[in-house]
Amino acid sequence: ECHRTGYATTLLGRRRNITGIREERYRTLNLPERTAVNTVIQGSAADLIKKAMLNVHEKLRATNSAARMLLQIHDELVFECPSHSISELVTLAKTEMETALPLDVPIVVDVSVGRNWLETEAYH
């Protein structure tokens, strides 16, 4: 598709023009093709995490939750919440991250919990 259109498209329709995809002199090292494939993979992963973040944020606001989303680091979300809300927040965040976009492959979310990053442990 990229050879025809000149751009790569993510799952949510964001487009990136791929320089040289139609020019033979750029294609000797397959750089445009590799860029196009990487754009779809990395861009779609970014789409997924952003969609999950919006879903979680909306649900936290709708329930007047004390939990707050603080930070996104690549494919991770960092929250703070009262200790009595951990289970509820884990369920919400895990569900929204695993189902943010309809995909043919499963998205599995691992959760860690702790009072700070040093004390963080896997949550089961």
PDB file of N, CA and C in Angstrom:
ATOM      1  N   GLU A   1       0.828  -1.194   0.000  1.00  0.00           N
ATOM      2  CA  GLU A   1       0.000   0.000   0.000  1.00  0.00           C
ATOM      3  C   GLU A   1       0.870   1.253   0.000  1.00  0.00           C
ATOM      4  N   CYS A   2       1.935   1.221   0.770  1.00  0.00           N
ATOM      5  CA  CYS A   2       2.808   2.392   0.885  1.00  0.00           C
ATOM      6  C   CYS A   2       3.446   2.745  -0.462  1.00  0.00           C
ATOM      7  N   HIS A   3       3.793   1.740  -1.263  1.00  0.00           N
ATOM      8  CA  HIS A   3       4.360   2.010  -2.587  1.00  0.00           C
ATOM      9  C   HIS A   3       3.357   2.772  -3.446  1.00  0.00           C
ATOM     10  N   ARG A   4       2.086   2.469  -3.271  1.00  0.00           N
ATOM     11  CA  ARG A   4       1.034   3.105  -4.064  1.00  0.00           C
ATOM     12  C   ARG A   4       0.725   4.516  -3.558  1.00  0.00           C
ATOM     13  N   THR A   5       0.592   4.665  -2.238  1.00  0.00           N
ATOM     14  CA  THR A   5       0.140   5.942  -1.671  1.00  0.00           C
ATOM     15  C   THR A   5       1.273   6.891  -1.294  1.00  0.00           C
ATOM     16  N   GLY A   6       2.434   6.333  -0.969  1.00  0.00           N
ATOM     17  CA  GLY A   6       3.550   7.165  -0.531  1.00  0.00           C
ATOM     18  C   GLY A   6       3.590   7.390   0.966  1.00  0.00           C
ATOM     19  N   TYR A   7       2.663   6.781   1.698  1.00  0.00           N
ATOM     20  CA  TYR A   7       2.647   6.942   3.149  1.00  0.00           C
ATOM     21  C   TYR A   7       2.249   5.637   3.830  1.00  0.00           C
ATOM     22  N   ALA A   8       2.613   5.531   5.108  1.00  0.00           N
ATOM     23  CA  ALA A   8       2.217   4.401   5.956  1.00  0.00           C
ATOM     24  C   ALA A   8       1.112   4.896   6.879  1.00  0.00           C
ATOM     25  N   THR A   9       0.192   4.002   7.217  1.00  0.00           N
ATOM     26  CA  THR A   9      -0.964   4.368   8.034  1.00  0.00           C
ATOM     27  C   THR A   9      -1.041   3.471   9.260  1.00  0.00           C
ATOM     28  N   THR A  10      -1.258   4.069  10.435  1.00  0.00           N
ATOM     29  CA  THR A  10      -1.407   3.294  11.671  1.00  0.00           C
ATOM     30  C   THR A  10      -2.829   2.752  11.775  1.00  0.00           C
ATOM     31  N   LEU A  11      -3.068   1.936  12.796  1.00  0.00           N
ATOM     32  CA  LEU A  11      -4.390   1.340  12.998  1.00  0.00           C
ATOM     33  C   LEU A  11      -5.497   2.379  13.134  1.00  0.00           C
ATOM     34  N   LEU A  12      -5.183   3.520  13.721  1.00  0.00           N
ATOM     35  CA  LEU A  12      -6.199   4.559  13.889  1.00  0.00           C
ATOM     36  C   LEU A  12      -6.170   5.608  12.784  1.00  0.00           C
ATOM     37  N   GLY A  13      -5.425   5.320  11.712  1.00  0.00           N
ATOM     38  CA  GLY A  13      -5.478   6.178  10.536  1.00  0.00           C
ATOM     39  C   GLY A  13      -4.480   7.317  10.468  1.00  0.00           C
ATOM     40  N   ARG A  14      -3.561   7.387  11.422  1.00  0.00           N
ATOM     41  CA  ARG A  14      -2.527   8.428  11.316  1.00  0.00           C
ATOM     42  C   ARG A  14      -1.588   8.065  10.173  1.00  0.00           C
ATOM     43  N   ARG A  15      -1.181   9.062   9.407  1.00  0.00           N
ATOM     44  CA  ARG A  15      -0.344   8.830   8.234  1.00  0.00           C
ATOM     45  C   ARG A  15       1.048   9.434   8.422  1.00  0.00           C
ATOM     46  N   ARG A  16       2.033   8.731   7.852  1.00  0.00           N
ATOM     47  CA  ARG A  16       3.401   9.253   7.823  1.00  0.00           C
ATOM     48  C   ARG A  16       3.912   9.114   6.399  1.00  0.00           C
ATOM     49  N   ASN A  17       4.291  10.232   5.795  1.00  0.00           N
ATOM     50  CA  ASN A  17       4.879  10.178   4.462  1.00  0.00           C
ATOM     51  C   ASN A  17       6.228   9.476   4.550  1.00  0.00           C
ATOM     52  N   ILE A  18       6.478   8.579   3.608  1.00  0.00           N
ATOM     53  CA  ILE A  18       7.721   7.810   3.597  1.00  0.00           C
ATOM     54  C   ILE A  18       8.589   8.313   2.447  1.00  0.00           C
ATOM     55  N   THR A  19       9.621   9.061   2.803  1.00  0.00           N
ATOM     56  CA  THR A  19      10.529   9.627   1.808  1.00  0.00           C
ATOM     57  C   THR A  19      11.208   8.519   1.016  1.00  0.00           C
ATOM     58  N   GLY A  20      11.170   8.636  -0.303  1.00  0.00           N
ATOM     59  CA  GLY A  20      11.903   7.722  -1.164  1.00  0.00           C
ATOM     60  C   GLY A  20      11.230   6.402  -1.455  1.00  0.00           C
ATOM     61  N   ILE A  21      10.020   6.182  -0.969  1.00  0.00           N
ATOM     62  CA  ILE A  21       9.375   4.877  -1.168  1.00  0.00           C
ATOM     63  C   ILE A  21       9.154   4.576  -2.649  1.00  0.00           C
ATOM     64  N   ARG A  22       9.054   5.608  -3.466  1.00  0.00           N
ATOM     65  CA  ARG A  22       8.810   5.411  -4.902  1.00  0.00           C
ATOM     66  C   ARG A  22      10.062   5.651  -5.742  1.00  0.00           C
ATOM     67  N   GLU A  23      11.199   5.901  -5.102  1.00  0.00           N
ATOM     68  CA  GLU A  23      12.417   6.220  -5.839  1.00  0.00           C
ATOM     69  C   GLU A  23      13.448   5.108  -5.671  1.00  0.00           C
ATOM     70  N   GLU A  24      13.882   4.566  -6.782  1.00  0.00           N
ATOM     71  CA  GLU A  24      14.807   3.432  -6.779  1.00  0.00           C
ATOM     72  C   GLU A  24      16.104   3.740  -6.039  1.00  0.00           C
ATOM     73  N   ARG A  25      16.614   4.954  -6.157  1.00  0.00           N
ATOM     74  CA  ARG A  25      17.902   5.282  -5.529  1.00  0.00           C
ATOM     75  C   ARG A  25      17.844   5.186  -4.004  1.00  0.00           C
ATOM     76  N   TYR A  26      16.668   5.392  -3.404  1.00  0.00           N
ATOM     77  CA  TYR A  26      16.515   5.282  -1.952  1.00  0.00           C
ATOM     78  C   TYR A  26      16.285   3.838  -1.511  1.00  0.00           C
ATOM     79  N   ARG A  27      15.858   3.003  -2.431  1.00  0.00           N
ATOM     80  CA  ARG A  27      15.406   1.670  -2.059  1.00  0.00           C
ATOM     81  C   ARG A  27      16.517   0.629  -2.039  1.00  0.00           C
ATOM     82  N   THR A  28      17.752   1.002  -2.348  1.00  0.00           N
ATOM     83  CA  THR A  28      18.825   0.013  -2.400  1.00  0.00           C
ATOM     84  C   THR A  28      19.051  -0.671  -1.059  1.00  0.00           C
ATOM     85  N   LEU A  29      18.844   0.013   0.036  1.00  0.00           N
ATOM     86  CA  LEU A  29      19.017  -0.583   1.366  1.00  0.00           C
ATOM     87  C   LEU A  29      17.679  -0.892   2.026  1.00  0.00           C
ATOM     88  N   ASN A  30      16.595  -0.766   1.261  1.00  0.00           N
ATOM     89  CA  ASN A  30      15.235  -1.012   1.769  1.00  0.00           C
ATOM     90  C   ASN A  30      14.859  -0.092   2.923  1.00  0.00           C
ATOM     91  N   LEU A  31      15.533   1.038   3.051  1.00  0.00           N
ATOM     92  CA  LEU A  31      15.220   1.954   4.145  1.00  0.00           C
ATOM     93  C   LEU A  31      13.769   2.428   4.117  1.00  0.00           C
ATOM     94  N   PRO A  32      13.240   2.853   2.969  1.00  0.00           N
ATOM     95  CA  PRO A  32      11.835   3.288   2.988  1.00  0.00           C
ATOM     96  C   PRO A  32      10.879   2.176   3.412  1.00  0.00           C
ATOM     97  N   GLU A  33      11.119   0.957   2.966  1.00  0.00           N
ATOM     98  CA  GLU A  33      10.251  -0.161   3.335  1.00  0.00           C
ATOM     99  C   GLU A  33      10.340  -0.460   4.829  1.00  0.00           C
ATOM    100  N   ARG A  34      11.566  -0.450   5.353  1.00  0.00           N
ATOM    101  CA  ARG A  34      11.737  -0.695   6.790  1.00  0.00           C
ATOM    102  C   ARG A  34      11.097   0.418   7.610  1.00  0.00           C
ATOM    103  N   THR A  35      11.225   1.646   7.138  1.00  0.00           N
ATOM    104  CA  THR A  35      10.600   2.782   7.819  1.00  0.00           C
ATOM    105  C   THR A  35       9.086   2.642   7.810  1.00  0.00           C
ATOM    106  N   ALA A  36       8.528   2.233   6.685  1.00  0.00           N
ATOM    107  CA  ALA A  36       7.072   2.069   6.576  1.00  0.00           C
ATOM    108  C   ALA A  36       6.565   0.991   7.526  1.00  0.00           C
ATOM    109  N   VAL A  37       7.235  -0.152   7.552  1.00  0.00           N
ATOM    110  CA  VAL A  37       6.815  -1.246   8.436  1.00  0.00           C
ATOM    111  C   VAL A  37       6.928  -0.815   9.897  1.00  0.00           C
ATOM    112  N   ASN A  38       8.043  -0.193  10.250  1.00  0.00           N
ATOM    113  CA  ASN A  38       8.237   0.254  11.626  1.00  0.00           C
ATOM    114  C   ASN A  38       7.201   1.308  12.018  1.00  0.00           C
ATOM    115  N   THR A  39       6.852   2.177  11.094  1.00  0.00           N
ATOM    116  CA  THR A  39       5.845   3.204  11.372  1.00  0.00           C
ATOM    117  C   THR A  39       4.513   2.580  11.741  1.00  0.00           C
ATOM    118  N   VAL A  40       4.111   1.573  10.994  1.00  0.00           N
ATOM    119  CA  VAL A  40       2.829   0.916  11.285  1.00  0.00           C
ATOM    120  C   VAL A  40       2.878   0.245  12.656  1.00  0.00           C
ATOM    121  N   ILE A  41       3.962  -0.454  12.956  1.00  0.00           N
ATOM    122  CA  ILE A  41       4.070  -1.169  14.234  1.00  0.00           C
ATOM    123  C   ILE A  41       4.157  -0.189  15.404  1.00  0.00           C
ATOM    124  N   GLN A  42       5.133   0.698  15.370  1.00  0.00           N
ATOM    125  CA  GLN A  42       5.333   1.624  16.484  1.00  0.00           C
ATOM    126  C   GLN A  42       4.199   2.645  16.588  1.00  0.00           C
ATOM    127  N   GLY A  43       3.731   3.129  15.455  1.00  0.00           N
ATOM    128  CA  GLY A  43       2.640   4.100  15.463  1.00  0.00           C
ATOM    129  C   GLY A  43       1.345   3.510  15.973  1.00  0.00           C
ATOM    130  N   SER A  44       1.079   2.259  15.604  1.00  0.00           N
ATOM    131  CA  SER A  44      -0.139   1.604  16.081  1.00  0.00           C
ATOM    132  C   SER A  44      -0.051   1.300  17.575  1.00  0.00           C
ATOM    133  N   ALA A  45       1.138   0.966  18.053  1.00  0.00           N
ATOM    134  CA  ALA A  45       1.317   0.771  19.501  1.00  0.00           C
ATOM    135  C   ALA A  45       1.056   2.085  20.238  1.00  0.00           C
ATOM    136  N   ALA A  46       1.509   3.188  19.670  1.00  0.00           N
ATOM    137  CA  ALA A  46       1.239   4.500  20.268  1.00  0.00           C
ATOM    138  C   ALA A  46      -0.256   4.804  20.240  1.00  0.00           C
ATOM    139  N   ASP A  47      -0.924   4.462  19.139  1.00  0.00           N
ATOM    140  CA  ASP A  47      -2.379   4.636  19.055  1.00  0.00           C
ATOM    141  C   ASP A  47      -3.068   3.867  20.170  1.00  0.00           C
ATOM    142  N   LEU A  48      -2.647   2.625  20.364  1.00  0.00           N
ATOM    143  CA  LEU A  48      -3.276   1.761  21.358  1.00  0.00           C
ATOM    144  C   LEU A  48      -3.124   2.330  22.768  1.00  0.00           C
ATOM    145  N   ILE A  49      -1.930   2.752  23.139  1.00  0.00           N
ATOM    146  CA  ILE A  49      -1.727   3.254  24.499  1.00  0.00           C
ATOM    147  C   ILE A  49      -2.476   4.565  24.708  1.00  0.00           C
ATOM    148  N   LYS A  50      -2.518   5.412  23.683  1.00  0.00           N
ATOM    149  CA  LYS A  50      -3.264   6.673  23.814  1.00  0.00           C
ATOM    150  C   LYS A  50      -4.760   6.421  23.971  1.00  0.00           C
ATOM    151  N   LYS A  51      -5.287   5.473  23.212  1.00  0.00           N
ATOM    152  CA  LYS A  51      -6.709   5.131  23.325  1.00  0.00           C
ATOM    153  C   LYS A  51      -7.002   4.567  24.709  1.00  0.00           C
ATOM    154  N   ALA A  52      -6.143   3.692  25.197  1.00  0.00           N
ATOM    155  CA  ALA A  52      -6.320   3.136  26.546  1.00  0.00           C
ATOM    156  C   ALA A  52      -6.272   4.245  27.591  1.00  0.00           C
ATOM    157  N   MET A  53      -5.347   5.179  27.443  1.00  0.00           N
ATOM    158  CA  MET A  53      -5.240   6.288  28.393  1.00  0.00           C
ATOM    159  C   MET A  53      -6.526   7.116  28.424  1.00  0.00           C
ATOM    160  N   LEU A  54      -7.064   7.413  27.259  1.00  0.00           N
ATOM    161  CA  LEU A  54      -8.322   8.169  27.207  1.00  0.00           C
ATOM    162  C   LEU A  54      -9.450   7.406  27.886  1.00  0.00           C
ATOM    163  N   ASN A  55      -9.546   6.108  27.600  1.00  0.00           N
ATOM    164  CA  ASN A  55     -10.604   5.291  28.201  1.00  0.00           C
ATOM    165  C   ASN A  55     -10.485   5.254  29.724  1.00  0.00           C
ATOM    166  N   VAL A  56      -9.277   5.029  30.219  1.00  0.00           N
ATOM    167  CA  VAL A  56      -9.063   4.976  31.671  1.00  0.00           C
ATOM    168  C   VAL A  56      -9.387   6.330  32.294  1.00  0.00           C
ATOM    169  N   HIS A  57      -8.892   7.389  31.694  1.00  0.00           N
ATOM    170  CA  HIS A  57      -9.130   8.735  32.233  1.00  0.00           C
ATOM    171  C   HIS A  57     -10.632   9.033  32.326  1.00  0.00           C
ATOM    172  N   GLU A  58     -11.361   8.727  31.261  1.00  0.00           N
ATOM    173  CA  GLU A  58     -12.806   8.981  31.263  1.00  0.00           C
ATOM    174  C   GLU A  58     -13.516   8.192  32.357  1.00  0.00           C
ATOM    175  N   LYS A  59     -13.132   6.939  32.533  1.00  0.00           N
ATOM    176  CA  LYS A  59     -13.792   6.107  33.548  1.00  0.00           C
ATOM    177  C   LYS A  59     -13.418   6.538  34.961  1.00  0.00           C
ATOM    178  N   LEU A  60     -12.193   6.956  35.167  1.00  0.00           N
ATOM    179  CA  LEU A  60     -11.805   7.460  36.487  1.00  0.00           C
ATOM    180  C   LEU A  60     -12.587   8.731  36.821  1.00  0.00           C
ATOM    181  N   ARG A  61     -12.729   9.616  35.855  1.00  0.00           N
ATOM    182  CA  ARG A  61     -13.494  10.854  36.087  1.00  0.00           C
ATOM    183  C   ARG A  61     -14.968  10.558  36.330  1.00  0.00           C
ATOM    184  N   ALA A  62     -15.527   9.626  35.562  1.00  0.00           N
ATOM    185  CA  ALA A  62     -16.956   9.314  35.680  1.00  0.00           C
ATOM    186  C   ALA A  62     -17.307   8.742  37.044  1.00  0.00           C
ATOM    187  N   THR A  63     -16.350   8.074  37.675  1.00  0.00           N
ATOM    188  CA  THR A  63     -16.607   7.453  38.978  1.00  0.00           C
ATOM    189  C   THR A  63     -16.067   8.283  40.140  1.00  0.00           C
ATOM    190  N   ASN A  64     -15.549   9.468  39.845  1.00  0.00           N
ATOM    191  CA  ASN A  64     -14.934  10.316  40.877  1.00  0.00           C
ATOM    192  C   ASN A  64     -13.874   9.563  41.675  1.00  0.00           C
ATOM    193  N   SER A  65     -13.135   8.735  40.992  1.00  0.00           N
ATOM    194  CA  SER A  65     -12.095   7.938  41.636  1.00  0.00           C
ATOM    195  C   SER A  65     -10.985   8.833  42.184  1.00  0.00           C
ATOM    196  N   ALA A  66     -10.404   8.399  43.280  1.00  0.00           N
ATOM    197  CA  ALA A  66      -9.247   9.101  43.844  1.00  0.00           C
ATOM    198  C   ALA A  66      -7.966   8.740  43.097  1.00  0.00           C
ATOM    199  N   ALA A  67      -8.036   7.723  42.245  1.00  0.00           N
ATOM    200  CA  ALA A  67      -6.869   7.302  41.464  1.00  0.00           C
ATOM    201  C   ALA A  67      -6.553   8.347  40.397  1.00  0.00           C
ATOM    202  N   ARG A  68      -5.260   8.514  40.132  1.00  0.00           N
ATOM    203  CA  ARG A  68      -4.822   9.465  39.118  1.00  0.00           C
ATOM    204  C   ARG A  68      -3.767   8.823  38.226  1.00  0.00           C
ATOM    205  N   MET A  69      -3.914   9.054  36.917  1.00  0.00           N
ATOM    206  CA  MET A  69      -2.897   8.625  35.973  1.00  0.00           C
ATOM    207  C   MET A  69      -1.808   9.694  35.976  1.00  0.00           C
ATOM    208  N   LEU A  70      -0.573   9.286  36.252  1.00  0.00           N
ATOM    209  CA  LEU A  70       0.518  10.245  36.384  1.00  0.00           C
ATOM    210  C   LEU A  70       1.410  10.339  35.161  1.00  0.00           C
ATOM    211  N   LEU A  71       1.643   9.197  34.505  1.00  0.00           N
ATOM    212  CA  LEU A  71       2.738   9.160  33.549  1.00  0.00           C
ATOM    213  C   LEU A  71       2.569   8.013  32.572  1.00  0.00           C
ATOM    214  N   GLN A  72       3.004   8.243  31.342  1.00  0.00           N
ATOM    215  CA  GLN A  72       3.125   7.176  30.354  1.00  0.00           C
ATOM    216  C   GLN A  72       4.601   7.046  30.008  1.00  0.00           C
ATOM    217  N   ILE A  73       5.103   5.814  30.036  1.00  0.00           N
ATOM    218  CA  ILE A  73       6.479   5.538  29.636  1.00  0.00           C
ATOM    219  C   ILE A  73       6.412   4.422  28.603  1.00  0.00           C
ATOM    220  N   HIS A  74       6.548   4.769  27.334  1.00  0.00           N
ATOM    221  CA  HIS A  74       6.432   3.822  26.225  1.00  0.00           C
ATOM    222  C   HIS A  74       5.106   3.080  26.302  1.00  0.00           C
ATOM    223  N   ASP A  75       5.123   1.817  26.721  1.00  0.00           N
ATOM    224  CA  ASP A  75       3.876   1.041  26.783  1.00  0.00           C
ATOM    225  C   ASP A  75       3.401   0.843  28.225  1.00  0.00           C
ATOM    226  N   GLU A  76       3.872   1.675  29.127  1.00  0.00           N
ATOM    227  CA  GLU A  76       3.482   1.577  30.538  1.00  0.00           C
ATOM    228  C   GLU A  76       2.695   2.807  30.960  1.00  0.00           C
ATOM    229  N   LEU A  77       1.776   2.591  31.889  1.00  0.00           N
ATOM    230  CA  LEU A  77       1.062   3.690  32.523  1.00  0.00           C
ATOM    231  C   LEU A  77       1.359   3.642  34.011  1.00  0.00           C
ATOM    232  N   VAL A  78       1.580   4.794  34.610  1.00  0.00           N
ATOM    233  CA  VAL A  78       1.865   4.892  36.034  1.00  0.00           C
ATOM    234  C   VAL A  78       0.712   5.644  36.695  1.00  0.00           C
ATOM    235  N   PHE A  79       0.197   5.059  37.773  1.00  0.00           N
ATOM    236  CA  PHE A  79      -0.927   5.633  38.506  1.00  0.00           C
ATOM    237  C   PHE A  79      -0.548   5.813  39.967  1.00  0.00           C
ATOM    238  N   GLU A  80      -1.328   6.642  40.662  1.00  0.00           N
ATOM    239  CA  GLU A  80      -1.292   6.663  42.114  1.00  0.00           C
ATOM    240  C   GLU A  80      -2.734   6.555  42.584  1.00  0.00           C
ATOM    241  N   CYS A  81      -2.901   5.841  43.696  1.00  0.00           N
ATOM    242  CA  CYS A  81      -4.243   5.692  44.254  1.00  0.00           C
ATOM    243  C   CYS A  81      -4.128   5.274  45.715  1.00  0.00           C
ATOM    244  N   PRO A  82      -5.203   5.466  46.475  1.00  0.00           N
ATOM    245  CA  PRO A  82      -5.210   4.969  47.852  1.00  0.00           C
ATOM    246  C   PRO A  82      -5.088   3.442  47.838  1.00  0.00           C
ATOM    247  N   SER A  83      -4.477   2.883  48.866  1.00  0.00           N
ATOM    248  CA  SER A  83      -4.254   1.433  48.893  1.00  0.00           C
ATOM    249  C   SER A  83      -5.552   0.638  48.815  1.00  0.00           C
ATOM    250  N   HIS A  84      -6.645   1.172  49.341  1.00  0.00           N
ATOM    251  CA  HIS A  84      -7.907   0.424  49.288  1.00  0.00           C
ATOM    252  C   HIS A  84      -8.516   0.398  47.877  1.00  0.00           C
ATOM    253  N   SER A  85      -7.958   1.176  46.942  1.00  0.00           N
ATOM    254  CA  SER A  85      -8.481   1.231  45.572  1.00  0.00           C
ATOM    255  C   SER A  85      -7.637   0.456  44.568  1.00  0.00           C
ATOM    256  N   ILE A  86      -6.579  -0.190  45.027  1.00  0.00           N
ATOM    257  CA  ILE A  86      -5.644  -0.846  44.108  1.00  0.00           C
ATOM    258  C   ILE A  86      -6.338  -1.881  43.234  1.00  0.00           C
ATOM    259  N   SER A  87      -7.085  -2.781  43.831  1.00  0.00           N
ATOM    260  CA  SER A  87      -7.720  -3.855  43.067  1.00  0.00           C
ATOM    261  C   SER A  87      -8.640  -3.305  41.979  1.00  0.00           C
ATOM    262  N   GLU A  88      -9.432  -2.308  42.334  1.00  0.00           N
ATOM    263  CA  GLU A  88     -10.358  -1.700  41.374  1.00  0.00           C
ATOM    264  C   GLU A  88      -9.600  -1.020  40.231  1.00  0.00           C
ATOM    265  N   LEU A  89      -8.535  -0.297  40.563  1.00  0.00           N
ATOM    266  CA  LEU A  89      -7.741   0.382  39.546  1.00  0.00           C
ATOM    267  C   LEU A  89      -7.041  -0.619  38.637  1.00  0.00           C
ATOM    268  N   VAL A  90      -6.488  -1.671  39.211  1.00  0.00           N
ATOM    269  CA  VAL A  90      -5.811  -2.693  38.412  1.00  0.00           C
ATOM    270  C   VAL A  90      -6.784  -3.298  37.409  1.00  0.00           C
ATOM    271  N   THR A  91      -7.979  -3.646  37.867  1.00  0.00           N
ATOM    272  CA  THR A  91      -8.980  -4.235  36.974  1.00  0.00           C
ATOM    273  C   THR A  91      -9.323  -3.278  35.839  1.00  0.00           C
ATOM    274  N   LEU A  92      -9.562  -2.023  36.173  1.00  0.00           N
ATOM    275  CA  LEU A  92      -9.910  -1.026  35.161  1.00  0.00           C
ATOM    276  C   LEU A  92      -8.778  -0.828  34.158  1.00  0.00           C
ATOM    277  N   ALA A  93      -7.583  -0.552  34.641  1.00  0.00           N
ATOM    278  CA  ALA A  93      -6.455  -0.264  33.752  1.00  0.00           C
ATOM    279  C   ALA A  93      -6.114  -1.464  32.880  1.00  0.00           C
ATOM    280  N   LYS A  94      -6.077  -2.638  33.471  1.00  0.00           N
ATOM    281  CA  LYS A  94      -5.754  -3.859  32.722  1.00  0.00           C
ATOM    282  C   LYS A  94      -6.788  -4.106  31.629  1.00  0.00           C
ATOM    283  N   THR A  95      -8.057  -4.002  31.973  1.00  0.00           N
ATOM    284  CA  THR A  95      -9.125  -4.229  30.995  1.00  0.00           C
ATOM    285  C   THR A  95      -9.052  -3.221  29.856  1.00  0.00           C
ATOM    286  N   GLU A  96      -8.905  -1.957  30.188  1.00  0.00           N
ATOM    287  CA  GLU A  96      -8.873  -0.920  29.150  1.00  0.00           C
ATOM    288  C   GLU A  96      -7.639  -1.039  28.261  1.00  0.00           C
ATOM    289  N   MET A  97      -6.508  -1.408  28.829  1.00  0.00           N
ATOM    290  CA  MET A  97      -5.298  -1.552  28.024  1.00  0.00           C
ATOM    291  C   MET A  97      -5.373  -2.778  27.122  1.00  0.00           C
ATOM    292  N   GLU A  98      -5.979  -3.840  27.606  1.00  0.00           N
ATOM    293  CA  GLU A  98      -6.059  -5.073  26.810  1.00  0.00           C
ATOM    294  C   GLU A  98      -7.131  -5.015  25.730  1.00  0.00           C
ATOM    295  N   THR A  99      -8.091  -4.106  25.870  1.00  0.00           N
ATOM    296  CA  THR A  99      -9.206  -4.049  24.916  1.00  0.00           C
ATOM    297  C   THR A  99      -9.338  -2.690  24.235  1.00  0.00           C
ATOM    298  N   ALA A 100      -8.315  -1.868  24.284  1.00  0.00           N
ATOM    299  CA  ALA A 100      -8.397  -0.509  23.735  1.00  0.00           C
ATOM    300  C   ALA A 100      -8.753  -0.498  22.254  1.00  0.00           C
ATOM    301  N   LEU A 101      -8.208  -1.430  21.498  1.00  0.00           N
ATOM    302  CA  LEU A 101      -8.492  -1.540  20.071  1.00  0.00           C
ATOM    303  C   LEU A 101      -8.833  -2.985  19.734  1.00  0.00           C
ATOM    304  N   PRO A 102      -9.746  -3.195  18.794  1.00  0.00           N
ATOM    305  CA  PRO A 102     -10.060  -4.568  18.381  1.00  0.00           C
ATOM    306  C   PRO A 102      -8.911  -5.129  17.529  1.00  0.00           C
ATOM    307  N   LEU A 103      -8.256  -6.141  18.043  1.00  0.00           N
ATOM    308  CA  LEU A 103      -7.111  -6.741  17.357  1.00  0.00           C
ATOM    309  C   LEU A 103      -7.310  -8.242  17.219  1.00  0.00           C
ATOM    310  N   ASP A 104      -6.594  -8.836  16.275  1.00  0.00           N
ATOM    311  CA  ASP A 104      -6.644 -10.285  16.087  1.00  0.00           C
ATOM    312  C   ASP A 104      -5.650 -11.018  16.971  1.00  0.00           C
ATOM    313  N   VAL A 105      -4.844 -10.285  17.693  1.00  0.00           N
ATOM    314  CA  VAL A 105      -3.867 -10.883  18.604  1.00  0.00           C
ATOM    315  C   VAL A 105      -4.163 -10.399  20.020  1.00  0.00           C
ATOM    316  N   PRO A 106      -3.907 -11.238  21.010  1.00  0.00           N
ATOM    317  CA  PRO A 106      -4.182 -10.802  22.385  1.00  0.00           C
ATOM    318  C   PRO A 106      -3.135  -9.797  22.866  1.00  0.00           C
ATOM    319  N   ILE A 107      -3.585  -8.844  23.638  1.00  0.00           N
ATOM    320  CA  ILE A 107      -2.697  -7.912  24.327  1.00  0.00           C
ATOM    321  C   ILE A 107      -2.738  -8.319  25.796  1.00  0.00           C
ATOM    322  N   VAL A 108      -1.597  -8.683  26.345  1.00  0.00           N
ATOM    323  CA  VAL A 108      -1.526  -9.125  27.733  1.00  0.00           C
ATOM    324  C   VAL A 108      -0.823  -8.041  28.546  1.00  0.00           C
ATOM    325  N   VAL A 109      -1.477  -7.590  29.591  1.00  0.00           N
ATOM    326  CA  VAL A 109      -0.942  -6.523  30.434  1.00  0.00           C
ATOM    327  C   VAL A 109      -0.465  -7.111  31.752  1.00  0.00           C
ATOM    328  N   ASP A 110       0.775  -6.837  32.103  1.00  0.00           N
ATOM    329  CA  ASP A 110       1.322  -7.212  33.405  1.00  0.00           C
ATOM    330  C   ASP A 110       1.237  -5.992  34.312  1.00  0.00           C
ATOM    331  N   VAL A 111       0.913  -6.223  35.568  1.00  0.00           N
ATOM    332  CA  VAL A 111       0.737  -5.129  36.517  1.00  0.00           C
ATOM    333  C   VAL A 111       1.715  -5.289  37.672  1.00  0.00           C
ATOM    334  N   SER A 112       2.319  -4.176  38.054  1.00  0.00           N
ATOM    335  CA  SER A 112       3.167  -4.129  39.238  1.00  0.00           C
ATOM    336  C   SER A 112       2.641  -3.030  40.145  1.00  0.00           C
ATOM    337  N   VAL A 113       2.787  -3.242  41.450  1.00  0.00           N
ATOM    338  CA  VAL A 113       2.262  -2.302  42.439  1.00  0.00           C
ATOM    339  C   VAL A 113       3.320  -2.072  43.508  1.00  0.00           C
ATOM    340  N   GLY A 114       3.413  -0.842  43.987  1.00  0.00           N
ATOM    341  CA  GLY A 114       4.327  -0.542  45.081  1.00  0.00           C
ATOM    342  C   GLY A 114       4.162   0.882  45.553  1.00  0.00           C
ATOM    343  N   ARG A 115       4.686   1.156  46.731  1.00  0.00           N
ATOM    344  CA  ARG A 115       4.610   2.512  47.293  1.00  0.00           C
ATOM    345  C   ARG A 115       5.532   3.465  46.531  1.00  0.00           C
ATOM    346  N   ASN A 116       6.566   2.909  45.894  1.00  0.00           N
ATOM    347  CA  ASN A 116       7.472   3.671  45.036  1.00  0.00           C
ATOM    348  C   ASN A 116       8.081   2.680  44.049  1.00  0.00           C
ATOM    349  N   TRP A 117       8.882   3.150  43.102  1.00  0.00           N
ATOM    350  CA  TRP A 117       9.410   2.248  42.082  1.00  0.00           C
ATOM    351  C   TRP A 117      10.357   1.199  42.664  1.00  0.00           C
ATOM    352  N   LEU A 118      11.074   1.524  43.716  1.00  0.00           N
ATOM    353  CA  LEU A 118      11.982   0.570  44.343  1.00  0.00           C
ATOM    354  C   LEU A 118      11.221  -0.609  44.940  1.00  0.00           C
ATOM    355  N   GLU A 119      10.051  -0.352  45.502  1.00  0.00           N
ATOM    356  CA  GLU A 119       9.268  -1.385  46.185  1.00  0.00           C
ATOM    357  C   GLU A 119       8.236  -2.065  45.281  1.00  0.00           C
ATOM    358  N   THR A 120       8.248  -1.768  44.012  1.00  0.00           N
ATOM    359  CA  THR A 120       7.248  -2.319  43.098  1.00  0.00           C
ATOM    360  C   THR A 120       7.430  -3.821  42.916  1.00  0.00           C
ATOM    361  N   GLU A 121       6.304  -4.542  42.992  1.00  0.00           N
ATOM    362  CA  GLU A 121       6.292  -5.995  42.799  1.00  0.00           C
ATOM    363  C   GLU A 121       5.128  -6.374  41.899  1.00  0.00           C
ATOM    364  N   ALA A 122       5.265  -7.516  41.238  1.00  0.00           N
ATOM    365  CA  ALA A 122       4.197  -8.009  40.362  1.00  0.00           C
ATOM    366  C   ALA A 122       2.906  -8.177  41.152  1.00  0.00           C
ATOM    367  N   TYR A 123       1.810  -7.785  40.540  1.00  0.00           N
ATOM    368  CA  TYR A 123       0.488  -7.883  41.164  1.00  0.00           C
ATOM    369  C   TYR A 123      -0.262  -9.030  40.507  1.00  0.00           C
ATOM    370  N   HIS A 124      -0.817  -9.909  41.333  1.00  0.00           N
ATOM    371  CA  HIS A 124      -1.557 -11.060  40.781  1.00  0.00           C
ATOM    372  C   HIS A 124      -2.988 -11.017  41.232  1.00  0.00           C
TER     373      HIS A 124
END
